[in-house]
Amino acid sequence: MDLLINLSNHRPKVQFITPMKPPTPPQAHEIDLIVKSALQEDLGTGDVTGRLLPDQAQGVARIVCREDAVICGRPWFDAVFQQVAPQATIHWKVEEGSRVGANTLLCEVQGAARALLTAERTALNFLQTLSGTATATRRLADLLVGTRTRLLDTRKTLPGLRVAQKYAVRCGGGHNHRMGLYDAILIKENHIAAAGSITAAVAAARRLAPQLLLEVEVESLVQLEEALAVGTPRILLDNMDVAMLHEAVAITHGRAELEASGGIDAHNLRAVAETGVDFVSLGGLTKHVRAVDLSLRYTPAA
């Protein structure tokens, strides 16, 4: 019988080897919808290659991380098997959000051979992509230890994976900026140009949605002064060098939260933080994704 996506309510038995306190993941229904879509694009009408395997064959799939990494994406990995192989048993060896070294065994999945190999690629795609985001975030967050600056993500995420990638940022020790265009107001250069001025744009924002976080992007110290004059609570300092950031912090003198963004990477992140800004936002956390090297090896059941 050909293997199709199983959307039953049965869940695989997941064994957590060590108690853990990872960031709170998205709601299960959100994860299930993303996983269903990912499986549909891979399976289509069914796994043709999977038909080569005996219908009753059982086995064990072992997932190994081939490099140092922060592991993230277990809820999505589990959901793939929940939909394809609801009778499978997953034995995790590491915690969500934990750092691992090269050649670490992450988990073992026991179940029907067809189901394990059908689910393999999609499950690994989620795990390696989200682990890549978490790993990159952790490396940069480590550079901020000892400062008051928090590392933020942006909306520059892979289409359809924003919720997942922002969760991965939290797993890596970063913090989330706004989720989308609906939960905060960020007035950027084009909004300012359309409105006529920072003052006009801020006034319109306060009339429209006074309950939302309001932030204004500025590109000069003159614009900073205007944003401060109208009481903007958070100001994004766009593409300012370290010297200019020092000056902006001195001018602001605690009257608003300051976020630095643009032209920042591992080489200058610490110097930017030491200017005294409250936040640094980096689109590269979720935009420049390098998947972690994972391997799945299947062994037939004895």
C-alpha atoms as a PDB file:
ATOM      1  CA  MET A   1       0.000   0.000   0.000  1.00  0.00           C
ATOM      2  CA  ASP A   2       1.350   3.420  -0.938  1.00  0.00           C
ATOM      3  CA  LEU A   3       2.229   5.755   1.942  1.00  0.00           C
ATOM      4  CA  LEU A   4       0.233   8.966   2.200  1.00  0.00           C
ATOM      5  CA  ILE A   5       0.183  11.660   4.887  1.00  0.00           C
ATOM      6  CA  ASN A   6      -1.601  10.321   7.956  1.00  0.00           C
ATOM      7  CA  LEU A   7      -3.491  13.089   9.723  1.00  0.00           C
ATOM      8  CA  SER A   8      -4.841  10.947  12.547  1.00  0.00           C
ATOM      9  CA  ASN A   9      -4.885  12.252  16.074  1.00  0.00           C
ATOM     10  CA  HIS A  10      -2.493   9.566  17.274  1.00  0.00           C
ATOM     11  CA  ARG A  11       0.837  10.920  18.456  1.00  0.00           C
ATOM     12  CA  PRO A  12       4.144   9.049  18.555  1.00  0.00           C
ATOM     13  CA  LYS A  13       5.512   8.217  21.963  1.00  0.00           C
ATOM     14  CA  VAL A  14       8.248  10.799  22.561  1.00  0.00           C
ATOM     15  CA  GLN A  15      10.768  10.000  25.259  1.00  0.00           C
ATOM     16  CA  PHE A  16      12.587  12.988  26.741  1.00  0.00           C
ATOM     17  CA  ILE A  17      15.833  11.730  28.210  1.00  0.00           C
ATOM     18  CA  THR A  18      16.592  14.880  30.209  1.00  0.00           C
ATOM     19  CA  PRO A  19      14.150  17.436  31.673  1.00  0.00           C
ATOM     20  CA  MET A  20      14.380  20.720  29.785  1.00  0.00           C
ATOM     21  CA  LYS A  21      13.074  24.267  29.746  1.00  0.00           C
ATOM     22  CA  PRO A  22      13.271  25.452  26.130  1.00  0.00           C
ATOM     23  CA  PRO A  23      11.509  28.612  24.945  1.00  0.00           C
ATOM     24  CA  THR A  24       7.783  28.135  24.567  1.00  0.00           C
ATOM     25  CA  PRO A  25       7.171  26.843  21.026  1.00  0.00           C
ATOM     26  CA  PRO A  26       4.311  28.012  18.799  1.00  0.00           C
ATOM     27  CA  GLN A  27       0.889  26.419  19.154  1.00  0.00           C
ATOM     28  CA  ALA A  28       0.711  22.812  17.924  1.00  0.00           C
ATOM     29  CA  HIS A  29      -1.864  23.674  15.246  1.00  0.00           C
ATOM     30  CA  GLU A  30       0.493  26.295  13.768  1.00  0.00           C
ATOM     31  CA  ILE A  31       3.298  23.750  13.571  1.00  0.00           C
ATOM     32  CA  ASP A  32       0.999  21.103  12.108  1.00  0.00           C
ATOM     33  CA  LEU A  33      -0.140  23.413   9.300  1.00  0.00           C
ATOM     34  CA  ILE A  34       3.436  24.276   8.298  1.00  0.00           C
ATOM     35  CA  VAL A  35       4.451  20.615   8.425  1.00  0.00           C
ATOM     36  CA  LYS A  36       1.422  19.509   6.404  1.00  0.00           C
ATOM     37  CA  SER A  37       2.308  21.980   3.660  1.00  0.00           C
ATOM     38  CA  ALA A  38       5.963  20.900   3.643  1.00  0.00           C
ATOM     39  CA  LEU A  39       5.024  17.235   3.408  1.00  0.00           C
ATOM     40  CA  GLN A  40       2.549  17.870   0.623  1.00  0.00           C
ATOM     41  CA  GLU A  41       5.171  19.544  -1.565  1.00  0.00           C
ATOM     42  CA  ASP A  42       7.523  16.591  -1.026  1.00  0.00           C
ATOM     43  CA  LEU A  43       5.058  13.677  -1.165  1.00  0.00           C
ATOM     44  CA  GLY A  44       2.541  14.846  -3.707  1.00  0.00           C
ATOM     45  CA  THR A  45       0.592  11.681  -4.547  1.00  0.00           C
ATOM     46  CA  GLY A  46       2.939   9.425  -2.579  1.00  0.00           C
ATOM     47  CA  ASP A  47       6.519   8.245  -2.061  1.00  0.00           C
ATOM     48  CA  VAL A  48       7.278   6.166  -5.153  1.00  0.00           C
ATOM     49  CA  THR A  49      10.740   5.122  -3.957  1.00  0.00           C
ATOM     50  CA  GLY A  50       9.246   3.980  -0.666  1.00  0.00           C
ATOM     51  CA  ARG A  51       7.320   1.286  -2.526  1.00  0.00           C
ATOM     52  CA  LEU A  52      10.604  -0.560  -2.999  1.00  0.00           C
ATOM     53  CA  LEU A  53      10.585  -1.441   0.706  1.00  0.00           C
ATOM     54  CA  PRO A  54       8.622  -4.376   2.149  1.00  0.00           C
ATOM     55  CA  ASP A  55       5.323  -3.196   3.592  1.00  0.00           C
ATOM     56  CA  GLN A  56       5.988  -4.734   7.018  1.00  0.00           C
ATOM     57  CA  ALA A  57       9.691  -3.819   7.330  1.00  0.00           C
ATOM     58  CA  GLN A  58      10.655  -2.136  10.612  1.00  0.00           C
ATOM     59  CA  GLY A  59      13.805  -0.253  11.545  1.00  0.00           C
ATOM     60  CA  VAL A  60      15.594   2.471  13.468  1.00  0.00           C
ATOM     61  CA  ALA A  61      16.671   5.869  12.132  1.00  0.00           C
ATOM     62  CA  ARG A  62      19.493   7.587  14.003  1.00  0.00           C
ATOM     63  CA  ILE A  63      20.028  11.321  13.538  1.00  0.00           C
ATOM     64  CA  VAL A  64      23.561  12.596  14.099  1.00  0.00           C
ATOM     65  CA  CYS A  65      24.815  16.203  14.138  1.00  0.00           C
ATOM     66  CA  ARG A  66      28.091  16.445  12.231  1.00  0.00           C
ATOM     67  CA  GLU A  67      29.248  19.796  13.632  1.00  0.00           C
ATOM     68  CA  ASP A  68      29.106  22.002  16.716  1.00  0.00           C
ATOM     69  CA  ALA A  69      25.609  23.485  16.869  1.00  0.00           C
ATOM     70  CA  VAL A  70      22.630  24.626  18.903  1.00  0.00           C
ATOM     71  CA  ILE A  71      19.809  22.159  18.337  1.00  0.00           C
ATOM     72  CA  CYS A  72      16.416  23.631  17.525  1.00  0.00           C
ATOM     73  CA  GLY A  73      13.311  22.396  15.754  1.00  0.00           C
ATOM     74  CA  ARG A  74      12.239  19.346  17.718  1.00  0.00           C
ATOM     75  CA  PRO A  75       8.519  20.275  17.643  1.00  0.00           C
ATOM     76  CA  TRP A  76       8.587  20.432  13.822  1.00  0.00           C
ATOM     77  CA  PHE A  77      10.676  17.260  13.541  1.00  0.00           C
ATOM     78  CA  ASP A  78       8.250  15.429  15.809  1.00  0.00           C
ATOM     79  CA  ALA A  79       5.240  16.762  13.916  1.00  0.00           C
ATOM     80  CA  VAL A  80       6.567  15.346  10.639  1.00  0.00           C
ATOM     81  CA  PHE A  81       6.585  11.866  12.140  1.00  0.00           C
ATOM     82  CA  GLN A  82       3.249  12.490  13.832  1.00  0.00           C
ATOM     83  CA  GLN A  83       1.723  13.047  10.407  1.00  0.00           C
ATOM     84  CA  VAL A  84       3.622  10.418   8.409  1.00  0.00           C
ATOM     85  CA  ALA A  85       4.286   7.723  11.001  1.00  0.00           C
ATOM     86  CA  PRO A  86       1.986   8.119  14.019  1.00  0.00           C
ATOM     87  CA  GLN A  87       3.055   4.747  15.413  1.00  0.00           C
ATOM     88  CA  ALA A  88       6.747   5.685  15.444  1.00  0.00           C
ATOM     89  CA  THR A  89       8.588   6.113  18.734  1.00  0.00           C
ATOM     90  CA  ILE A  90      11.031   9.007  19.071  1.00  0.00           C
ATOM     91  CA  HIS A  91      13.843   8.843  21.652  1.00  0.00           C
ATOM     92  CA  TRP A  92      15.555  12.215  22.013  1.00  0.00           C
ATOM     93  CA  LYS A  93      19.059  12.287  23.466  1.00  0.00           C
ATOM     94  CA  VAL A  94      19.496  16.078  23.660  1.00  0.00           C
ATOM     95  CA  GLU A  95      17.413  18.978  24.899  1.00  0.00           C
ATOM     96  CA  GLU A  96      15.886  21.612  22.666  1.00  0.00           C
ATOM     97  CA  GLY A  97      18.196  24.627  22.596  1.00  0.00           C
ATOM     98  CA  SER A  98      21.218  22.694  23.837  1.00  0.00           C
ATOM     99  CA  ARG A  99      24.711  23.010  22.421  1.00  0.00           C
ATOM    100  CA  VAL A 100      26.198  19.849  20.999  1.00  0.00           C
ATOM    101  CA  GLY A 101      29.557  18.876  19.567  1.00  0.00           C
ATOM    102  CA  ALA A 102      30.313  17.224  16.255  1.00  0.00           C
ATOM    103  CA  ASN A 103      29.113  13.623  15.836  1.00  0.00           C
ATOM    104  CA  THR A 104      26.523  13.870  18.609  1.00  0.00           C
ATOM    105  CA  LEU A 105      23.613  11.431  18.419  1.00  0.00           C
ATOM    106  CA  LEU A 106      20.508  13.592  18.603  1.00  0.00           C
ATOM    107  CA  CYS A 107      17.708  11.053  18.544  1.00  0.00           C
ATOM    108  CA  GLU A 108      16.514   7.636  17.427  1.00  0.00           C
ATOM    109  CA  VAL A 109      13.214   6.993  15.675  1.00  0.00           C
ATOM    110  CA  GLN A 110      11.794   3.468  15.608  1.00  0.00           C
ATOM    111  CA  GLY A 111       9.013   2.448  13.258  1.00  0.00           C
ATOM    112  CA  ALA A 112       7.981   1.242   9.815  1.00  0.00           C
ATOM    113  CA  ALA A 113      10.782   1.504   7.273  1.00  0.00           C
ATOM    114  CA  ARG A 114       8.631   3.164   4.612  1.00  0.00           C
ATOM    115  CA  ALA A 115       7.393   5.820   7.011  1.00  0.00           C
ATOM    116  CA  LEU A 116      10.831   6.589   8.452  1.00  0.00           C
ATOM    117  CA  LEU A 117      12.434   7.094   5.062  1.00  0.00           C
ATOM    118  CA  THR A 118       9.495   9.048   3.666  1.00  0.00           C
ATOM    119  CA  ALA A 119       9.609  11.465   6.592  1.00  0.00           C
ATOM    120  CA  GLU A 120      13.420  11.739   6.580  1.00  0.00           C
ATOM    121  CA  ARG A 121      14.002  14.712   4.284  1.00  0.00           C
ATOM    122  CA  THR A 122      11.221  16.959   5.558  1.00  0.00           C
ATOM    123  CA  ALA A 123      12.038  16.249   9.207  1.00  0.00           C
ATOM    124  CA  LEU A 124      15.726  16.977   8.654  1.00  0.00           C
ATOM    125  CA  ASN A 125      14.956  20.123   6.647  1.00  0.00           C
ATOM    126  CA  PHE A 126      13.147  21.634   9.633  1.00  0.00           C
ATOM    127  CA  LEU A 127      15.719  20.505  12.179  1.00  0.00           C
ATOM    128  CA  GLN A 128      18.808  21.604  10.263  1.00  0.00           C
ATOM    129  CA  THR A 129      17.354  24.948   9.155  1.00  0.00           C
ATOM    130  CA  LEU A 130      16.102  25.970  12.601  1.00  0.00           C
ATOM    131  CA  SER A 131      19.282  24.690  14.242  1.00  0.00           C
ATOM    132  CA  GLY A 132      21.196  26.865  11.779  1.00  0.00           C
ATOM    133  CA  THR A 133      19.256  29.934  12.880  1.00  0.00           C
ATOM    134  CA  ALA A 134      19.691  29.091  16.567  1.00  0.00           C
ATOM    135  CA  THR A 135      23.406  28.399  16.128  1.00  0.00           C
ATOM    136  CA  ALA A 136      24.061  31.701  14.344  1.00  0.00           C
ATOM    137  CA  THR A 137      22.076  33.563  16.997  1.00  0.00           C
ATOM    138  CA  ARG A 138      23.973  31.917  19.849  1.00  0.00           C
ATOM    139  CA  ARG A 139      27.365  32.845  18.389  1.00  0.00           C
ATOM    140  CA  LEU A 140      26.367  36.491  18.204  1.00  0.00           C
ATOM    141  CA  ALA A 141      24.525  36.534  21.540  1.00  0.00           C
ATOM    142  CA  ASP A 142      27.715  35.274  23.187  1.00  0.00           C
ATOM    143  CA  LEU A 143      29.492  38.415  21.971  1.00  0.00           C
ATOM    144  CA  LEU A 144      27.050  40.555  23.957  1.00  0.00           C
ATOM    145  CA  VAL A 145      27.656  38.891  27.317  1.00  0.00           C
ATOM    146  CA  GLY A 146      28.515  41.554  29.879  1.00  0.00           C
ATOM    147  CA  THR A 147      26.707  44.355  28.042  1.00  0.00           C
ATOM    148  CA  ARG A 148      23.150  45.627  28.480  1.00  0.00           C
ATOM    149  CA  THR A 149      22.382  45.233  24.772  1.00  0.00           C
ATOM    150  CA  ARG A 150      19.875  42.650  23.551  1.00  0.00           C
ATOM    151  CA  LEU A 151      20.056  40.934  20.174  1.00  0.00           C
ATOM    152  CA  LEU A 152      16.914  41.230  18.033  1.00  0.00           C
ATOM    153  CA  ASP A 153      15.747  39.552  14.857  1.00  0.00           C
ATOM    154  CA  THR A 154      13.807  41.250  12.031  1.00  0.00           C
ATOM    155  CA  ARG A 155      11.060  40.440   9.503  1.00  0.00           C
ATOM    156  CA  LYS A 156      13.665  39.213   7.005  1.00  0.00           C
ATOM    157  CA  THR A 157      12.629  35.593   7.395  1.00  0.00           C
ATOM    158  CA  LEU A 158      12.099  32.691   5.000  1.00  0.00           C
ATOM    159  CA  PRO A 159       8.520  32.898   3.651  1.00  0.00           C
ATOM    160  CA  GLY A 160       6.231  30.619   5.627  1.00  0.00           C
ATOM    161  CA  LEU A 161       8.788  30.016   8.377  1.00  0.00           C
ATOM    162  CA  ARG A 162       8.659  33.271  10.333  1.00  0.00           C
ATOM    163  CA  VAL A 163       7.095  31.783  13.453  1.00  0.00           C
ATOM    164  CA  ALA A 164       9.570  28.900  13.373  1.00  0.00           C
ATOM    165  CA  GLN A 165      12.634  31.060  12.774  1.00  0.00           C
ATOM    166  CA  LYS A 166      11.709  33.567  15.457  1.00  0.00           C
ATOM    167  CA  TYR A 167      11.341  30.637  17.854  1.00  0.00           C
ATOM    168  CA  ALA A 168      14.818  29.487  16.767  1.00  0.00           C
ATOM    169  CA  VAL A 169      16.200  32.940  17.563  1.00  0.00           C
ATOM    170  CA  ARG A 170      14.876  32.571  21.111  1.00  0.00           C
ATOM    171  CA  CYS A 171      16.443  29.110  21.327  1.00  0.00           C
ATOM    172  CA  GLY A 172      19.754  30.707  20.422  1.00  0.00           C
ATOM    173  CA  GLY A 173      19.562  33.355  23.130  1.00  0.00           C
ATOM    174  CA  GLY A 174      18.198  36.211  21.037  1.00  0.00           C
ATOM    175  CA  HIS A 175      14.973  38.189  21.321  1.00  0.00           C
ATOM    176  CA  ASN A 176      12.132  38.825  18.912  1.00  0.00           C
ATOM    177  CA  HIS A 177      11.335  42.171  17.333  1.00  0.00           C
ATOM    178  CA  ARG A 178       7.780  42.566  16.041  1.00  0.00           C
ATOM    179  CA  MET A 179       6.248  39.442  14.540  1.00  0.00           C
ATOM    180  CA  GLY A 180       4.750  41.260  11.579  1.00  0.00           C
ATOM    181  CA  LEU A 181       3.152  44.451  10.377  1.00  0.00           C
ATOM    182  CA  TYR A 182       0.243  44.082  12.794  1.00  0.00           C
ATOM    183  CA  ASP A 183       1.781  44.039  16.290  1.00  0.00           C
ATOM    184  CA  ALA A 184       4.003  47.147  16.307  1.00  0.00           C
ATOM    185  CA  ILE A 185       4.536  50.328  14.296  1.00  0.00           C
ATOM    186  CA  LEU A 186       7.959  50.933  12.758  1.00  0.00           C
ATOM    187  CA  ILE A 187       8.079  54.187  10.823  1.00  0.00           C
ATOM    188  CA  LYS A 188      10.820  53.899   8.216  1.00  0.00           C
ATOM    189  CA  GLU A 189      12.276  56.342   5.688  1.00  0.00           C
ATOM    190  CA  ASN A 190       9.577  55.713   3.075  1.00  0.00           C
ATOM    191  CA  HIS A 191       6.805  56.211   5.622  1.00  0.00           C
ATOM    192  CA  ILE A 192       8.429  59.494   6.665  1.00  0.00           C
ATOM    193  CA  ALA A 193       8.686  60.608   3.043  1.00  0.00           C
ATOM    194  CA  ALA A 194       5.026  59.741   2.425  1.00  0.00           C
ATOM    195  CA  ALA A 195       3.805  61.429   5.620  1.00  0.00           C
ATOM    196  CA  GLY A 196       5.932  64.540   5.125  1.00  0.00           C
ATOM    197  CA  SER A 197       7.934  64.386   8.359  1.00  0.00           C
ATOM    198  CA  ILE A 198       8.711  62.325  11.433  1.00  0.00           C
ATOM    199  CA  THR A 199       6.426  64.561  13.460  1.00  0.00           C
ATOM    200  CA  ALA A 200       3.489  63.997  11.121  1.00  0.00           C
ATOM    201  CA  ALA A 201       4.084  60.246  10.908  1.00  0.00           C
ATOM    202  CA  VAL A 202       4.289  59.857  14.686  1.00  0.00           C
ATOM    203  CA  ALA A 203       1.100  61.881  15.199  1.00  0.00           C
ATOM    204  CA  ALA A 204      -0.749  59.671  12.703  1.00  0.00           C
ATOM    205  CA  ALA A 205       0.543  56.519  14.357  1.00  0.00           C
ATOM    206  CA  ARG A 206      -0.674  57.642  17.766  1.00  0.00           C
ATOM    207  CA  ARG A 207      -4.132  58.369  16.412  1.00  0.00           C
ATOM    208  CA  LEU A 208      -4.309  55.052  14.580  1.00  0.00           C
ATOM    209  CA  ALA A 209      -2.974  52.598  17.182  1.00  0.00           C
ATOM    210  CA  PRO A 210      -1.924  54.201  20.466  1.00  0.00           C
ATOM    211  CA  GLN A 211      -1.711  50.783  22.155  1.00  0.00           C
ATOM    212  CA  LEU A 212       1.099  49.462  19.934  1.00  0.00           C
ATOM    213  CA  LEU A 213       4.845  49.854  20.332  1.00  0.00           C
ATOM    214  CA  LEU A 214       5.950  52.850  18.288  1.00  0.00           C
ATOM    215  CA  GLU A 215       9.417  53.016  16.760  1.00  0.00           C
ATOM    216  CA  VAL A 216      10.953  55.458  14.291  1.00  0.00           C
ATOM    217  CA  GLU A 217      13.946  54.817  12.048  1.00  0.00           C
ATOM    218  CA  VAL A 218      16.380  57.731  11.776  1.00  0.00           C
ATOM    219  CA  GLU A 219      19.429  58.169   9.561  1.00  0.00           C
ATOM    220  CA  SER A 220      20.925  61.311  11.092  1.00  0.00           C
ATOM    221  CA  LEU A 221      21.315  63.071  14.402  1.00  0.00           C
ATOM    222  CA  VAL A 222      18.970  65.803  13.167  1.00  0.00           C
ATOM    223  CA  GLN A 223      16.247  63.193  12.632  1.00  0.00           C
ATOM    224  CA  LEU A 224      17.066  61.739  16.056  1.00  0.00           C
ATOM    225  CA  GLU A 225      16.421  65.121  17.653  1.00  0.00           C
ATOM    226  CA  GLU A 226      13.051  65.382  15.890  1.00  0.00           C
ATOM    227  CA  ALA A 227      12.044  61.873  16.982  1.00  0.00           C
ATOM    228  CA  LEU A 228      12.984  62.687  20.568  1.00  0.00           C
ATOM    229  CA  ALA A 229      11.129  65.996  20.474  1.00  0.00           C
ATOM    230  CA  VAL A 230       7.828  64.239  19.736  1.00  0.00           C
ATOM    231  CA  GLY A 231       8.396  61.650  22.475  1.00  0.00           C
ATOM    232  CA  THR A 232       9.119  58.567  20.358  1.00  0.00           C
ATOM    233  CA  PRO A 233       9.603  55.664  22.820  1.00  0.00           C
ATOM    234  CA  ARG A 234      11.997  53.645  20.636  1.00  0.00           C
ATOM    235  CA  ILE A 235      14.298  54.876  17.897  1.00  0.00           C
ATOM    236  CA  LEU A 236      16.139  52.787  15.326  1.00  0.00           C
ATOM    237  CA  LEU A 237      19.560  54.181  14.454  1.00  0.00           C
ATOM    238  CA  ASP A 238      20.100  53.098  10.866  1.00  0.00           C
ATOM    239  CA  ASN A 239      23.600  52.496   9.465  1.00  0.00           C
ATOM    240  CA  MET A 240      25.410  54.705  11.977  1.00  0.00           C
ATOM    241  CA  ASP A 241      29.070  54.062  12.722  1.00  0.00           C
ATOM    242  CA  VAL A 242      30.330  53.556  16.264  1.00  0.00           C
ATOM    243  CA  ALA A 243      31.307  57.190  16.761  1.00  0.00           C
ATOM    244  CA  MET A 244      27.887  58.375  15.660  1.00  0.00           C
ATOM    245  CA  LEU A 245      26.185  55.813  17.881  1.00  0.00           C
ATOM    246  CA  HIS A 246      28.129  57.123  20.891  1.00  0.00           C
ATOM    247  CA  GLU A 247      26.881  60.616  20.059  1.00  0.00           C
ATOM    248  CA  ALA A 248      23.303  59.406  19.606  1.00  0.00           C
ATOM    249  CA  VAL A 249      23.352  57.702  23.015  1.00  0.00           C
ATOM    250  CA  ALA A 250      24.658  60.893  24.628  1.00  0.00           C
ATOM    251  CA  ILE A 251      22.010  63.045  22.934  1.00  0.00           C
ATOM    252  CA  THR A 252      19.197  60.665  23.895  1.00  0.00           C
ATOM    253  CA  HIS A 253      20.354  60.421  27.514  1.00  0.00           C
ATOM    254  CA  GLY A 254      17.756  57.792  28.405  1.00  0.00           C
ATOM    255  CA  ARG A 255      14.758  59.567  26.882  1.00  0.00           C
ATOM    256  CA  ALA A 256      14.070  56.668  24.493  1.00  0.00           C
ATOM    257  CA  GLU A 257      15.173  53.129  23.842  1.00  0.00           C
ATOM    258  CA  LEU A 258      17.763  52.934  21.081  1.00  0.00           C
ATOM    259  CA  GLU A 259      18.154  50.163  18.522  1.00  0.00           C
ATOM    260  CA  ALA A 260      21.166  49.979  16.207  1.00  0.00           C
ATOM    261  CA  SER A 261      20.807  48.277  12.833  1.00  0.00           C
ATOM    262  CA  GLY A 262      22.568  48.107   9.491  1.00  0.00           C
ATOM    263  CA  GLY A 263      26.181  47.212   8.735  1.00  0.00           C
ATOM    264  CA  ILE A 264      26.572  45.187  11.939  1.00  0.00           C
ATOM    265  CA  ASP A 265      28.151  41.751  12.081  1.00  0.00           C
ATOM    266  CA  ALA A 266      30.336  39.628  14.352  1.00  0.00           C
ATOM    267  CA  HIS A 267      33.325  41.920  13.760  1.00  0.00           C
ATOM    268  CA  ASN A 268      31.771  45.093  15.154  1.00  0.00           C
ATOM    269  CA  LEU A 269      28.833  43.842  17.233  1.00  0.00           C
ATOM    270  CA  ARG A 270      30.633  44.169  20.566  1.00  0.00           C
ATOM    271  CA  ALA A 271      31.801  47.696  19.776  1.00  0.00           C
ATOM    272  CA  VAL A 272      28.270  48.698  18.818  1.00  0.00           C
ATOM    273  CA  ALA A 273      26.896  47.263  22.063  1.00  0.00           C
ATOM    274  CA  GLU A 274      29.489  49.127  24.107  1.00  0.00           C
ATOM    275  CA  THR A 275      28.129  52.438  22.843  1.00  0.00           C
ATOM    276  CA  GLY A 276      25.204  51.869  25.203  1.00  0.00           C
ATOM    277  CA  VAL A 277      22.375  51.107  22.755  1.00  0.00           C
ATOM    278  CA  ASP A 278      19.555  48.993  24.145  1.00  0.00           C
ATOM    279  CA  PHE A 279      19.156  46.701  21.128  1.00  0.00           C
ATOM    280  CA  VAL A 280      20.966  45.531  18.031  1.00  0.00           C
ATOM    281  CA  SER A 281      18.841  44.045  15.233  1.00  0.00           C
ATOM    282  CA  LEU A 282      20.307  41.781  12.573  1.00  0.00           C
ATOM    283  CA  GLY A 283      18.387  40.567   9.546  1.00  0.00           C
ATOM    284  CA  GLY A 284      21.111  38.023   8.858  1.00  0.00           C
ATOM    285  CA  LEU A 285      19.993  35.874  11.794  1.00  0.00           C
ATOM    286  CA  THR A 286      17.074  34.608   9.726  1.00  0.00           C
ATOM    287  CA  LYS A 287      17.973  35.732   6.208  1.00  0.00           C
ATOM    288  CA  HIS A 288      21.479  34.314   5.795  1.00  0.00           C
ATOM    289  CA  VAL A 289      20.681  30.794   6.922  1.00  0.00           C
ATOM    290  CA  ARG A 290      23.273  28.020   6.718  1.00  0.00           C
ATOM    291  CA  ALA A 291      21.733  24.694   7.610  1.00  0.00           C
ATOM    292  CA  VAL A 292      23.478  22.592  10.247  1.00  0.00           C
ATOM    293  CA  ASP A 293      24.990  19.371   8.901  1.00  0.00           C
ATOM    294  CA  LEU A 294      22.778  16.491  10.024  1.00  0.00           C
ATOM    295  CA  SER A 295      22.797  12.870   8.977  1.00  0.00           C
ATOM    296  CA  LEU A 296      20.147  10.145   9.217  1.00  0.00           C
ATOM    297  CA  ARG A 297      21.256   6.518   9.138  1.00  0.00           C
ATOM    298  CA  TYR A 298      18.710   3.731   8.887  1.00  0.00           C
ATOM    299  CA  THR A 299      19.199   0.265  10.367  1.00  0.00           C
ATOM    300  CA  PRO A 300      16.728  -2.603   9.773  1.00  0.00           C
ATOM    301  CA  ALA A 301      15.175  -4.030  12.913  1.00  0.00           C
ATOM    302  CA  ALA A 302      16.803  -7.224  14.156  1.00  0.00           C
END
